[in-house]
PDB file of N, CA and C in Angstrom:
ATOM      1  N   MET A   1     -13.057 -12.684 169.153  1.00  0.00           N
ATOM      2  CA  MET A   1     -13.737 -12.782 168.908  1.00  0.00           C
ATOM      3  C   MET A   1     -14.759 -11.848 168.466  1.00  0.00           C
ATOM      4  N   ASN A   2     -15.460 -11.966 167.378  1.00  0.00           N
ATOM      5  CA  ASN A   2     -16.042 -10.834 166.755  1.00  0.00           C
ATOM      6  C   ASN A   2     -17.456 -11.025 166.537  1.00  0.00           C
ATOM      7  N   GLY A   3     -17.862 -12.373 167.221  1.00  0.00           N
ATOM      8  CA  GLY A   3     -19.115 -12.444 167.276  1.00  0.00           C
ATOM      9  C   GLY A   3     -19.746 -13.779 167.897  1.00  0.00           C
ATOM     10  N   ALA A   4     -20.781 -14.214 167.636  1.00  0.00           N
ATOM     11  CA  ALA A   4     -21.208 -15.801 167.591  1.00  0.00           C
ATOM     12  C   ALA A   4     -22.455 -15.733 166.873  1.00  0.00           C
ATOM     13  N   TRP A   5     -22.288 -16.613 166.457  1.00  0.00           N
ATOM     14  CA  TRP A   5     -23.489 -17.475 165.473  1.00  0.00           C
ATOM     15  C   TRP A   5     -24.203 -19.103 166.079  1.00  0.00           C
ATOM     16  N   TRP A   6     -25.580 -18.968 166.269  1.00  0.00           N
ATOM     17  CA  TRP A   6     -26.370 -19.959 166.761  1.00  0.00           C
ATOM     18  C   TRP A   6     -27.123 -20.838 165.642  1.00  0.00           C
ATOM     19  N   PRO A   7     -26.288 -21.310 164.946  1.00  0.00           N
ATOM     20  CA  PRO A   7     -27.134 -22.320 164.092  1.00  0.00           C
ATOM     21  C   PRO A   7     -28.605 -22.860 165.060  1.00  0.00           C
ATOM     22  N   GLN A   8     -29.641 -23.256 163.870  1.00  0.00           N
ATOM     23  CA  GLN A   8     -30.651 -24.102 164.465  1.00  0.00           C
ATOM     24  C   GLN A   8     -30.670 -25.214 164.578  1.00  0.00           C
ATOM     25  N   ASP A   9     -29.605 -25.919 163.822  1.00  0.00           N
ATOM     26  CA  ASP A   9     -29.799 -27.720 164.210  1.00  0.00           C
ATOM     27  C   ASP A   9     -28.129 -28.213 163.953  1.00  0.00           C
ATOM     28  N   ASP A  10     -27.801 -28.702 164.766  1.00  0.00           N
ATOM     29  CA  ASP A  10     -26.420 -29.252 165.286  1.00  0.00           C
ATOM     30  C   ASP A  10     -26.264 -29.464 163.831  1.00  0.00           C
ATOM     31  N   GLY A  11     -26.702 -31.048 163.145  1.00  0.00           N
ATOM     32  CA  GLY A  11     -26.654 -31.552 162.507  1.00  0.00           C
ATOM     33  C   GLY A  11     -27.089 -31.155 160.962  1.00  0.00           C
ATOM     34  N   LEU A  12     -27.617 -29.640 161.007  1.00  0.00           N
ATOM     35  CA  LEU A  12     -27.511 -29.339 159.520  1.00  0.00           C
ATOM     36  C   LEU A  12     -26.715 -27.528 159.712  1.00  0.00           C
ATOM     37  N   ILE A  13     -25.568 -27.929 159.811  1.00  0.00           N
ATOM     38  CA  ILE A  13     -24.497 -26.180 160.101  1.00  0.00           C
ATOM     39  C   ILE A  13     -24.048 -26.263 158.366  1.00  0.00           C
ATOM     40  N   ALA A  14     -23.620 -27.222 157.562  1.00  0.00           N
ATOM     41  CA  ALA A  14     -23.095 -26.963 156.877  1.00  0.00           C
ATOM     42  C   ALA A  14     -24.506 -26.095 156.122  1.00  0.00           C
ATOM     43  N   ARG A  15     -25.690 -26.391 155.965  1.00  0.00           N
ATOM     44  CA  ARG A  15     -27.169 -25.747 155.015  1.00  0.00           C
ATOM     45  C   ARG A  15     -27.053 -24.339 155.548  1.00  0.00           C
ATOM     46  N   GLU A  16     -26.971 -24.175 156.911  1.00  0.00           N
ATOM     47  CA  GLU A  16     -26.997 -23.226 157.324  1.00  0.00           C
ATOM     48  C   GLU A  16     -25.608 -22.242 157.382  1.00  0.00           C
ATOM     49  N   LEU A  17     -24.628 -22.680 156.858  1.00  0.00           N
ATOM     50  CA  LEU A  17     -23.443 -21.787 156.790  1.00  0.00           C
ATOM     51  C   LEU A  17     -23.374 -21.112 155.570  1.00  0.00           C
ATOM     52  N   SER A  18     -24.061 -21.306 154.197  1.00  0.00           N
ATOM     53  CA  SER A  18     -24.351 -20.889 153.447  1.00  0.00           C
ATOM     54  C   SER A  18     -24.645 -19.760 153.577  1.00  0.00           C
ATOM     55  N   PRO A  19     -25.907 -19.251 154.347  1.00  0.00           N
ATOM     56  CA  PRO A  19     -26.788 -17.891 154.239  1.00  0.00           C
ATOM     57  C   PRO A  19     -25.350 -16.962 155.496  1.00  0.00           C
ATOM     58  N   LEU A  20     -25.296 -17.478 156.217  1.00  0.00           N
ATOM     59  CA  LEU A  20     -24.281 -16.814 157.393  1.00  0.00           C
ATOM     60  C   LEU A  20     -22.878 -16.315 156.092  1.00  0.00           C
ATOM     61  N   VAL A  21     -22.604 -16.815 155.050  1.00  0.00           N
ATOM     62  CA  VAL A  21     -21.265 -16.386 154.482  1.00  0.00           C
ATOM     63  C   VAL A  21     -22.161 -15.535 153.884  1.00  0.00           C
ATOM     64  N   ASP A  22     -23.021 -15.742 153.091  1.00  0.00           N
ATOM     65  CA  ASP A  22     -23.746 -14.876 152.405  1.00  0.00           C
ATOM     66  C   ASP A  22     -24.325 -13.081 153.456  1.00  0.00           C
ATOM     67  N   GLU A  23     -24.126 -13.317 154.260  1.00  0.00           N
ATOM     68  CA  GLU A  23     -24.800 -12.033 154.841  1.00  0.00           C
ATOM     69  C   GLU A  23     -23.318 -11.174 155.346  1.00  0.00           C
ATOM     70  N   LEU A  24     -22.473 -12.389 155.448  1.00  0.00           N
ATOM     71  CA  LEU A  24     -21.459 -11.350 156.045  1.00  0.00           C
ATOM     72  C   LEU A  24     -20.328 -10.819 155.233  1.00  0.00           C
ATOM     73  N   SER A  25     -20.443 -11.354 153.577  1.00  0.00           N
ATOM     74  CA  SER A  25     -19.483 -10.941 152.796  1.00  0.00           C
ATOM     75  C   SER A  25     -19.532  -9.643 152.053  1.00  0.00           C
ATOM     76  N   ASP A  26     -20.593  -8.645 152.408  1.00  0.00           N
ATOM     77  CA  ASP A  26     -20.444  -7.317 152.869  1.00  0.00           C
ATOM     78  C   ASP A  26     -19.537  -6.319 153.623  1.00  0.00           C
ATOM     79  N   LEU A  27     -19.065  -7.213 154.530  1.00  0.00           N
ATOM     80  CA  LEU A  27     -18.568  -6.743 155.774  1.00  0.00           C
ATOM     81  C   LEU A  27     -16.712  -7.424 155.235  1.00  0.00           C
ATOM     82  N   ILE A  28     -16.992  -8.249 155.161  1.00  0.00           N
ATOM     83  CA  ILE A  28     -15.519  -9.413 154.875  1.00  0.00           C
ATOM     84  C   ILE A  28     -15.249  -9.209 153.522  1.00  0.00           C
ATOM     85  N   GLY A  29     -15.596  -9.055 152.815  1.00  0.00           N
ATOM     86  CA  GLY A  29     -15.405  -9.544 151.354  1.00  0.00           C
ATOM     87  C   GLY A  29     -15.903 -11.175 151.342  1.00  0.00           C
ATOM     88  N   ALA A  30     -15.579 -11.406 149.833  1.00  0.00           N
ATOM     89  CA  ALA A  30     -15.744 -12.866 149.409  1.00  0.00           C
ATOM     90  C   ALA A  30     -15.029 -13.597 150.343  1.00  0.00           C
ATOM     91  N   VAL A  31     -15.864 -14.714 150.681  1.00  0.00           N
ATOM     92  CA  VAL A  31     -15.452 -15.774 152.096  1.00  0.00           C
ATOM     93  C   VAL A  31     -14.201 -16.665 151.183  1.00  0.00           C
ATOM     94  N   HIS A  32     -13.211 -16.973 151.418  1.00  0.00           N
ATOM     95  CA  HIS A  32     -12.352 -17.919 150.327  1.00  0.00           C
ATOM     96  C   HIS A  32     -11.800 -18.895 151.263  1.00  0.00           C
ATOM     97  N   GLU A  33     -12.293 -18.788 152.889  1.00  0.00           N
ATOM     98  CA  GLU A  33     -12.406 -20.032 153.830  1.00  0.00           C
ATOM     99  C   GLU A  33     -13.252 -20.293 154.559  1.00  0.00           C
ATOM    100  N   ALA A  34     -13.559 -21.367 155.117  1.00  0.00           N
ATOM    101  CA  ALA A  34     -14.072 -21.418 156.578  1.00  0.00           C
ATOM    102  C   ALA A  34     -13.527 -22.423 157.084  1.00  0.00           C
ATOM    103  N   SER A  35     -13.432 -22.094 158.229  1.00  0.00           N
ATOM    104  CA  SER A  35     -12.790 -23.359 159.661  1.00  0.00           C
ATOM    105  C   SER A  35     -13.424 -23.408 160.498  1.00  0.00           C
ATOM    106  N   LEU A  36     -13.482 -24.561 161.238  1.00  0.00           N
ATOM    107  CA  LEU A  36     -13.914 -24.848 162.437  1.00  0.00           C
ATOM    108  C   LEU A  36     -13.127 -25.481 163.118  1.00  0.00           C
ATOM    109  N   ASN A  37     -13.136 -25.347 164.677  1.00  0.00           N
ATOM    110  CA  ASN A  37     -12.135 -25.492 165.242  1.00  0.00           C
ATOM    111  C   ASN A  37     -12.787 -26.977 166.251  1.00  0.00           C
ATOM    112  N   TRP A  38     -13.561 -28.262 165.093  1.00  0.00           N
ATOM    113  CA  TRP A  38     -13.935 -29.595 165.709  1.00  0.00           C
ATOM    114  C   TRP A  38     -13.531 -30.282 164.938  1.00  0.00           C
ATOM    115  N   LYS A  39     -13.933 -31.727 164.951  1.00  0.00           N
ATOM    116  CA  LYS A  39     -13.886 -32.125 163.773  1.00  0.00           C
ATOM    117  C   LYS A  39     -15.223 -33.130 164.056  1.00  0.00           C
ATOM    118  N   ALA A  40     -15.404 -33.807 162.372  1.00  0.00           N
ATOM    119  CA  ALA A  40     -16.932 -34.390 162.736  1.00  0.00           C
ATOM    120  C   ALA A  40     -16.878 -35.673 163.337  1.00  0.00           C
ATOM    121  N   GLY A  41     -18.017 -35.674 164.332  1.00  0.00           N
ATOM    122  CA  GLY A  41     -18.288 -36.915 165.137  1.00  0.00           C
ATOM    123  C   GLY A  41     -17.985 -36.502 166.495  1.00  0.00           C
ATOM    124  N   SER A  42     -17.538 -35.230 166.825  1.00  0.00           N
ATOM    125  CA  SER A  42     -16.793 -34.527 168.316  1.00  0.00           C
ATOM    126  C   SER A  42     -18.095 -34.663 168.790  1.00  0.00           C
ATOM    127  N   PRO A  43     -18.320 -34.632 170.471  1.00  0.00           N
ATOM    128  CA  PRO A  43     -19.601 -34.598 170.656  1.00  0.00           C
ATOM    129  C   PRO A  43     -19.965 -33.642 170.873  1.00  0.00           C
ATOM    130  N   ARG A  44     -21.488 -33.519 171.041  1.00  0.00           N
ATOM    131  CA  ARG A  44     -22.095 -31.695 170.736  1.00  0.00           C
ATOM    132  C   ARG A  44     -22.732 -31.891 172.312  1.00  0.00           C
ATOM    133  N   SER A  45     -23.095 -30.448 172.653  1.00  0.00           N
ATOM    134  CA  SER A  45     -23.628 -30.316 173.938  1.00  0.00           C
ATOM    135  C   SER A  45     -24.567 -28.812 173.747  1.00  0.00           C
ATOM    136  N   SER A  46     -24.714 -28.405 174.948  1.00  0.00           N
ATOM    137  CA  SER A  46     -25.622 -27.163 175.032  1.00  0.00           C
ATOM    138  C   SER A  46     -24.621 -26.654 175.566  1.00  0.00           C
ATOM    139  N   MET A  47     -24.321 -25.225 175.611  1.00  0.00           N
ATOM    140  CA  MET A  47     -23.421 -24.184 176.721  1.00  0.00           C
ATOM    141  C   MET A  47     -24.190 -24.147 178.242  1.00  0.00           C
ATOM    142  N   THR A  48     -25.020 -24.975 178.237  1.00  0.00           N
ATOM    143  CA  THR A  48     -25.728 -25.019 179.888  1.00  0.00           C
ATOM    144  C   THR A  48     -24.663 -25.745 180.890  1.00  0.00           C
ATOM    145  N   SER A  49     -23.551 -26.572 180.129  1.00  0.00           N
ATOM    146  CA  SER A  49     -22.694 -27.117 180.690  1.00  0.00           C
ATOM    147  C   SER A  49     -21.405 -25.950 181.595  1.00  0.00           C
ATOM    148  N   ILE A  50     -21.392 -25.454 181.310  1.00  0.00           N
ATOM    149  CA  ILE A  50     -21.002 -24.204 182.042  1.00  0.00           C
ATOM    150  C   ILE A  50     -21.142 -24.339 183.275  1.00  0.00           C
ATOM    151  N   ALA A  51     -22.593 -24.529 183.625  1.00  0.00           N
ATOM    152  CA  ALA A  51     -23.075 -24.849 184.861  1.00  0.00           C
ATOM    153  C   ALA A  51     -22.293 -25.611 185.998  1.00  0.00           C
ATOM    154  N   LEU A  52     -22.006 -26.539 185.090  1.00  0.00           N
ATOM    155  CA  LEU A  52     -21.469 -28.102 186.047  1.00  0.00           C
ATOM    156  C   LEU A  52     -20.572 -27.768 186.996  1.00  0.00           C
ATOM    157  N   PRO A  53     -19.997 -28.767 187.688  1.00  0.00           N
ATOM    158  CA  PRO A  53     -19.110 -28.432 188.908  1.00  0.00           C
ATOM    159  C   PRO A  53     -17.480 -27.968 187.712  1.00  0.00           C
ATOM    160  N   PRO A  54     -16.617 -27.525 188.070  1.00  0.00           N
ATOM    161  CA  PRO A  54     -15.760 -26.763 187.346  1.00  0.00           C
ATOM    162  C   PRO A  54     -14.744 -28.131 186.690  1.00  0.00           C
ATOM    163  N   GLN A  55     -14.599 -29.663 187.588  1.00  0.00           N
ATOM    164  CA  GLN A  55     -13.996 -30.501 186.970  1.00  0.00           C
ATOM    165  C   GLN A  55     -14.435 -31.122 185.859  1.00  0.00           C
ATOM    166  N   LEU A  56     -15.967 -30.641 185.468  1.00  0.00           N
ATOM    167  CA  LEU A  56     -16.591 -31.455 183.710  1.00  0.00           C
ATOM    168  C   LEU A  56     -16.494 -30.157 183.290  1.00  0.00           C
ATOM    169  N   ALA A  57     -17.029 -28.586 183.674  1.00  0.00           N
ATOM    170  CA  ALA A  57     -16.739 -27.344 182.821  1.00  0.00           C
ATOM    171  C   ALA A  57     -15.441 -27.392 182.451  1.00  0.00           C
ATOM    172  N   LYS A  58     -14.572 -27.911 182.347  1.00  0.00           N
ATOM    173  CA  LYS A  58     -13.255 -27.451 181.374  1.00  0.00           C
ATOM    174  C   LYS A  58     -13.473 -28.555 180.166  1.00  0.00           C
ATOM    175  N   ARG A  59     -14.241 -29.200 180.419  1.00  0.00           N
ATOM    176  CA  ARG A  59     -14.117 -30.333 179.020  1.00  0.00           C
ATOM    177  C   ARG A  59     -14.292 -29.076 178.004  1.00  0.00           C
ATOM    178  N   PRO A  60     -13.957 -29.903 176.407  1.00  0.00           N
ATOM    179  CA  PRO A  60     -13.610 -29.188 175.516  1.00  0.00           C
ATOM    180  C   PRO A  60     -15.261 -28.348 174.374  1.00  0.00           C
ATOM    181  N   PHE A  61     -15.924 -27.729 174.885  1.00  0.00           N
ATOM    182  CA  PHE A  61     -17.490 -27.515 173.965  1.00  0.00           C
ATOM    183  C   PHE A  61     -17.320 -26.361 173.526  1.00  0.00           C
ATOM    184  N   HIS A  62     -16.647 -25.358 173.454  1.00  0.00           N
ATOM    185  CA  HIS A  62     -16.294 -24.380 172.988  1.00  0.00           C
ATOM    186  C   HIS A  62     -15.902 -24.463 171.488  1.00  0.00           C
ATOM    187  N   TRP A  63     -16.472 -23.983 170.190  1.00  0.00           N
ATOM    188  CA  TRP A  63     -16.546 -24.141 169.193  1.00  0.00           C
ATOM    189  C   TRP A  63     -16.377 -22.800 168.654  1.00  0.00           C
ATOM    190  N   VAL A  64     -15.787 -22.936 167.756  1.00  0.00           N
ATOM    191  CA  VAL A  64     -15.048 -21.586 167.049  1.00  0.00           C
ATOM    192  C   VAL A  64     -15.025 -21.550 165.468  1.00  0.00           C
ATOM    193  N   ILE A  65     -15.903 -20.503 164.652  1.00  0.00           N
ATOM    194  CA  ILE A  65     -15.357 -21.138 163.422  1.00  0.00           C
ATOM    195  C   ILE A  65     -14.869 -19.368 162.813  1.00  0.00           C
ATOM    196  N   ALA A  66     -13.919 -19.550 161.726  1.00  0.00           N
ATOM    197  CA  ALA A  66     -13.205 -18.464 161.378  1.00  0.00           C
ATOM    198  C   ALA A  66     -13.657 -18.393 160.013  1.00  0.00           C
ATOM    199  N   LEU A  67     -13.770 -17.285 159.498  1.00  0.00           N
ATOM    200  CA  LEU A  67     -14.023 -17.074 158.242  1.00  0.00           C
ATOM    201  C   LEU A  67     -13.437 -16.214 157.338  1.00  0.00           C
ATOM    202  N   ARG A  68     -12.701 -16.233 156.890  1.00  0.00           N
ATOM    203  CA  ARG A  68     -11.089 -15.796 155.537  1.00  0.00           C
ATOM    204  C   ARG A  68     -12.212 -15.235 154.505  1.00  0.00           C
ATOM    205  N   GLY A  69     -12.447 -13.979 154.520  1.00  0.00           N
ATOM    206  CA  GLY A  69     -12.597 -13.202 153.418  1.00  0.00           C
ATOM    207  C   GLY A  69     -11.760 -12.332 152.510  1.00  0.00           C
ATOM    208  N   GLU A  70     -12.032 -11.730 151.899  1.00  0.00           N
ATOM    209  CA  GLU A  70     -11.030 -10.528 151.090  1.00  0.00           C
ATOM    210  C   GLU A  70     -10.372  -9.742 151.440  1.00  0.00           C
ATOM    211  N   HIS A  71     -11.095  -8.706 152.570  1.00  0.00           N
ATOM    212  CA  HIS A  71     -11.222  -7.838 153.568  1.00  0.00           C
ATOM    213  C   HIS A  71     -10.437  -8.215 154.830  1.00  0.00           C
ATOM    214  N   ARG A  72     -10.854  -9.090 155.174  1.00  0.00           N
ATOM    215  CA  ARG A  72     -10.504  -9.050 156.882  1.00  0.00           C
ATOM    216  C   ARG A  72     -11.354 -10.859 157.181  1.00  0.00           C
ATOM    217  N   THR A  73     -10.497 -11.793 158.206  1.00  0.00           N
ATOM    218  CA  THR A  73     -11.116 -12.795 158.718  1.00  0.00           C
ATOM    219  C   THR A  73     -11.397 -12.266 160.356  1.00  0.00           C
ATOM    220  N   ILE A  74     -12.956 -13.044 160.405  1.00  0.00           N
ATOM    221  CA  ILE A  74     -13.564 -12.959 161.651  1.00  0.00           C
ATOM    222  C   ILE A  74     -13.906 -14.194 162.073  1.00  0.00           C
ATOM    223  N   ARG A  75     -13.395 -14.722 163.554  1.00  0.00           N
ATOM    224  CA  ARG A  75     -13.946 -15.345 164.461  1.00  0.00           C
ATOM    225  C   ARG A  75     -15.211 -15.361 165.221  1.00  0.00           C
ATOM    226  N   MET A  76     -15.737 -16.596 165.283  1.00  0.00           N
ATOM    227  CA  MET A  76     -17.221 -16.117 165.444  1.00  0.00           C
ATOM    228  C   MET A  76     -17.511 -17.567 166.623  1.00  0.00           C
ATOM    229  N   LEU A  77     -17.880 -17.198 167.753  1.00  0.00           N
ATOM    230  CA  LEU A  77     -18.006 -18.447 168.926  1.00  0.00           C
ATOM    231  C   LEU A  77     -19.645 -19.204 168.259  1.00  0.00           C
ATOM    232  N   VAL A  78     -19.206 -20.116 168.225  1.00  0.00           N
ATOM    233  CA  VAL A  78     -20.606 -21.224 167.584  1.00  0.00           C
ATOM    234  C   VAL A  78     -21.827 -21.681 168.916  1.00  0.00           C
ATOM    235  N   VAL A  79     -22.600 -20.969 168.813  1.00  0.00           N
ATOM    236  CA  VAL A  79     -23.242 -21.753 170.268  1.00  0.00           C
ATOM    237  C   VAL A  79     -24.318 -22.924 169.855  1.00  0.00           C
ATOM    238  N   PRO A  80     -24.361 -24.426 170.405  1.00  0.00           N
ATOM    239  CA  PRO A  80     -24.857 -24.937 169.865  1.00  0.00           C
ATOM    240  C   PRO A  80     -26.328 -25.196 169.930  1.00  0.00           C
ATOM    241  N   ALA A  81     -27.052 -25.558 168.853  1.00  0.00           N
ATOM    242  CA  ALA A  81     -28.267 -25.434 168.738  1.00  0.00           C
ATOM    243  C   ALA A  81     -29.213 -25.670 170.267  1.00  0.00           C
ATOM    244  N   ARG A  82     -29.067 -26.937 170.751  1.00  0.00           N
ATOM    245  CA  ARG A  82     -29.571 -27.161 172.234  1.00  0.00           C
ATOM    246  C   ARG A  82     -29.537 -26.225 173.251  1.00  0.00           C
ATOM    247  N   THR A  83     -28.504 -25.055 172.907  1.00  0.00           N
ATOM    248  CA  THR A  83     -28.167 -24.354 174.086  1.00  0.00           C
ATOM    249  C   THR A  83     -29.718 -23.282 174.423  1.00  0.00           C
ATOM    250  N   ASN A  84     -29.936 -23.040 175.790  1.00  0.00           N
ATOM    251  CA  ASN A  84     -31.166 -22.381 175.962  1.00  0.00           C
ATOM    252  C   ASN A  84     -31.029 -20.923 175.374  1.00  0.00           C
ATOM    253  N   LYS A  85     -31.946 -20.876 175.324  1.00  0.00           N
ATOM    254  CA  LYS A  85     -32.888 -19.397 174.492  1.00  0.00           C
ATOM    255  C   LYS A  85     -31.922 -18.574 175.313  1.00  0.00           C
ATOM    256  N   ILE A  86     -32.165 -18.181 175.859  1.00  0.00           N
ATOM    257  CA  ILE A  86     -31.771 -17.118 176.846  1.00  0.00           C
ATOM    258  C   ILE A  86     -30.393 -16.990 176.960  1.00  0.00           C
ATOM    259  N   LEU A  87     -30.105 -17.871 177.497  1.00  0.00           N
ATOM    260  CA  LEU A  87     -28.255 -17.848 177.509  1.00  0.00           C
ATOM    261  C   LEU A  87     -27.500 -17.643 176.189  1.00  0.00           C
ATOM    262  N   ALA A  88     -28.116 -18.109 175.190  1.00  0.00           N
ATOM    263  CA  ALA A  88     -27.542 -18.010 173.809  1.00  0.00           C
ATOM    264  C   ALA A  88     -27.442 -16.839 173.275  1.00  0.00           C
ATOM    265  N   TRP A  89     -29.091 -16.075 173.561  1.00  0.00           N
ATOM    266  CA  TRP A  89     -29.293 -14.742 173.449  1.00  0.00           C
ATOM    267  C   TRP A  89     -28.153 -13.753 173.845  1.00  0.00           C
ATOM    268  N   ARG A  90     -27.793 -14.123 175.417  1.00  0.00           N
ATOM    269  CA  ARG A  90     -26.760 -13.387 176.555  1.00  0.00           C
ATOM    270  C   ARG A  90     -25.330 -13.393 175.496  1.00  0.00           C
ATOM    271  N   ILE A  91     -25.062 -15.061 175.172  1.00  0.00           N
ATOM    272  CA  ILE A  91     -23.943 -15.023 174.289  1.00  0.00           C
ATOM    273  C   ILE A  91     -23.294 -14.729 173.501  1.00  0.00           C
ATOM    274  N   MET A  92     -24.565 -14.436 172.679  1.00  0.00           N
ATOM    275  CA  MET A  92     -24.410 -13.831 170.845  1.00  0.00           C
ATOM    276  C   MET A  92     -24.031 -12.342 171.150  1.00  0.00           C
ATOM    277  N   ARG A  93     -24.676 -11.901 172.228  1.00  0.00           N
ATOM    278  CA  ARG A  93     -24.888 -10.223 172.417  1.00  0.00           C
ATOM    279  C   ARG A  93     -23.439  -9.946 173.088  1.00  0.00           C
ATOM    280  N   LEU A  94     -22.956 -10.813 173.792  1.00  0.00           N
ATOM    281  CA  LEU A  94     -21.707 -10.124 174.810  1.00  0.00           C
ATOM    282  C   LEU A  94     -20.643 -10.727 173.843  1.00  0.00           C
ATOM    283  N   ALA A  95     -20.485 -11.766 173.063  1.00  0.00           N
ATOM    284  CA  ALA A  95     -19.699 -11.704 171.987  1.00  0.00           C
ATOM    285  C   ALA A  95     -19.383 -10.961 171.080  1.00  0.00           C
ATOM    286  N   ALA A  96     -20.764 -10.238 170.709  1.00  0.00           N
ATOM    287  CA  ALA A  96     -20.678  -8.999 169.773  1.00  0.00           C
ATOM    288  C   ALA A  96     -20.522  -7.460 170.268  1.00  0.00           C
ATOM    289  N   GLN A  97     -19.686  -7.491 171.607  1.00  0.00           N
ATOM    290  CA  GLN A  97     -19.698  -6.714 172.507  1.00  0.00           C
ATOM    291  C   GLN A  97     -21.295  -5.827 172.352  1.00  0.00           C
ATOM    292  N   MET A  98     -22.060  -6.223 172.347  1.00  0.00           N
ATOM    293  CA  MET A  98     -23.333  -5.229 172.426  1.00  0.00           C
ATOM    294  C   MET A  98     -23.736  -5.420 174.453  1.00  0.00           C
ATOM    295  N   SER A  99     -24.573  -4.582 174.526  1.00  0.00           N
ATOM    296  CA  SER A  99     -25.241  -4.787 176.059  1.00  0.00           C
ATOM    297  C   SER A  99     -26.154  -4.927 176.028  1.00  0.00           C
ATOM    298  N   LEU A 100     -25.969  -5.807 177.520  1.00  0.00           N
ATOM    299  CA  LEU A 100     -27.686  -7.255 177.577  1.00  0.00           C
ATOM    300  C   LEU A 100     -28.593  -5.767 178.032  1.00  0.00           C
ATOM    301  N   LEU A 101     -29.669  -6.044 177.111  1.00  0.00           N
ATOM    302  CA  LEU A 101     -30.833  -5.480 177.354  1.00  0.00           C
ATOM    303  C   LEU A 101     -31.727  -5.371 178.368  1.00  0.00           C
ATOM    304  N   ASP A 102     -31.967  -6.832 178.819  1.00  0.00           N
ATOM    305  CA  ASP A 102     -32.485  -7.454 179.905  1.00  0.00           C
ATOM    306  C   ASP A 102     -31.872  -7.115 181.392  1.00  0.00           C
ATOM    307  N   SER A 103     -32.555  -7.381 182.050  1.00  0.00           N
ATOM    308  CA  SER A 103     -31.909  -7.201 183.779  1.00  0.00           C
ATOM    309  C   SER A 103     -31.634  -8.703 184.268  1.00  0.00           C
ATOM    310  N   SER A 104     -30.343  -8.927 183.298  1.00  0.00           N
ATOM    311  CA  SER A 104     -29.599 -10.476 183.605  1.00  0.00           C
ATOM    312  C   SER A 104     -29.180 -10.030 185.192  1.00  0.00           C
ATOM    313  N   SER A 105     -28.826 -11.345 185.709  1.00  0.00           N
ATOM    314  CA  SER A 105     -28.694 -11.757 187.003  1.00  0.00           C
ATOM    315  C   SER A 105     -26.863 -11.594 186.941  1.00  0.00           C
ATOM    316  N   GLU A 106     -26.536 -11.632 187.823  1.00  0.00           N
ATOM    317  CA  GLU A 106     -24.673 -11.051 187.627  1.00  0.00           C
ATOM    318  C   GLU A 106     -24.182 -12.580 187.744  1.00  0.00           C
ATOM    319  N   GLU A 107     -24.926 -13.579 187.774  1.00  0.00           N
ATOM    320  CA  GLU A 107     -24.463 -14.830 187.783  1.00  0.00           C
ATOM    321  C   GLU A 107     -24.453 -15.424 186.134  1.00  0.00           C
ATOM    322  N   GLN A 108     -25.568 -15.093 186.111  1.00  0.00           N
ATOM    323  CA  GLN A 108     -25.814 -15.536 184.086  1.00  0.00           C
ATOM    324  C   GLN A 108     -25.102 -14.735 183.173  1.00  0.00           C
ATOM    325  N   VAL A 109     -25.065 -13.219 183.662  1.00  0.00           N
ATOM    326  CA  VAL A 109     -24.037 -12.596 182.632  1.00  0.00           C
ATOM    327  C   VAL A 109     -22.545 -12.991 183.131  1.00  0.00           C
ATOM    328  N   ALA A 110     -22.189 -13.613 184.262  1.00  0.00           N
ATOM    329  CA  ALA A 110     -20.656 -14.396 184.361  1.00  0.00           C
ATOM    330  C   ALA A 110     -20.635 -15.355 183.779  1.00  0.00           C
ATOM    331  N   ALA A 111     -22.056 -16.078 184.044  1.00  0.00           N
ATOM    332  CA  ALA A 111     -21.710 -17.671 182.913  1.00  0.00           C
ATOM    333  C   ALA A 111     -21.571 -17.474 181.513  1.00  0.00           C
ATOM    334  N   ALA A 112     -22.348 -16.185 180.755  1.00  0.00           N
ATOM    335  CA  ALA A 112     -21.638 -16.245 179.534  1.00  0.00           C
ATOM    336  C   ALA A 112     -20.673 -15.445 179.131  1.00  0.00           C
ATOM    337  N   LEU A 113     -20.216 -14.851 180.296  1.00  0.00           N
ATOM    338  CA  LEU A 113     -18.861 -14.265 179.790  1.00  0.00           C
ATOM    339  C   LEU A 113     -17.565 -15.531 180.473  1.00  0.00           C
ATOM    340  N   ARG A 114     -17.798 -16.802 180.961  1.00  0.00           N
ATOM    341  CA  ARG A 114     -17.079 -17.341 181.043  1.00  0.00           C
ATOM    342  C   ARG A 114     -16.826 -18.249 179.840  1.00  0.00           C
ATOM    343  N   ILE A 115     -18.056 -18.540 179.177  1.00  0.00           N
ATOM    344  CA  ILE A 115     -18.206 -19.199 177.887  1.00  0.00           C
ATOM    345  C   ILE A 115     -17.471 -18.446 176.534  1.00  0.00           C
ATOM    346  N   ILE A 116     -17.683 -17.146 176.671  1.00  0.00           N
ATOM    347  CA  ILE A 116     -16.808 -16.216 175.815  1.00  0.00           C
ATOM    348  C   ILE A 116     -15.384 -16.791 175.942  1.00  0.00           C
ATOM    349  N   MET A 117     -15.224 -16.298 177.064  1.00  0.00           N
ATOM    350  CA  MET A 117     -13.694 -16.348 177.736  1.00  0.00           C
ATOM    351  C   MET A 117     -12.917 -17.632 177.229  1.00  0.00           C
ATOM    352  N   ALA A 118     -13.692 -18.556 177.371  1.00  0.00           N
ATOM    353  CA  ALA A 118     -13.097 -19.800 177.268  1.00  0.00           C
ATOM    354  C   ALA A 118     -12.736 -20.380 175.792  1.00  0.00           C
ATOM    355  N   ALA A 119     -13.567 -19.785 174.416  1.00  0.00           N
ATOM    356  CA  ALA A 119     -13.390 -19.733 173.262  1.00  0.00           C
ATOM    357  C   ALA A 119     -12.286 -19.082 173.159  1.00  0.00           C
TER     358      ALA A 119
END
């Protein structure tokens, strides 16, 4: 996983993808392909489902986008728009291998790490 992307509206991902591709083109080159690991009509959720009992948390809520550029391919965890802001921030920082700057509890960090590892 090379990082995470948090679109602001699950219904407008296509519109928000273009600025993401533009921003990353300096790093990976011109993007030739974008692939998502879900199908149209798949259920959407927030990542707070990770706190559910194990039998419910095993459902496939983790979506990944792969962008293939001229120089390299990157994979990013897609954080659903409805995810709690603090959890989304932690997931994005951990997915990008950045440290957490706040005083997160062990439980909160563990939840964010479980999400990343499941992707």
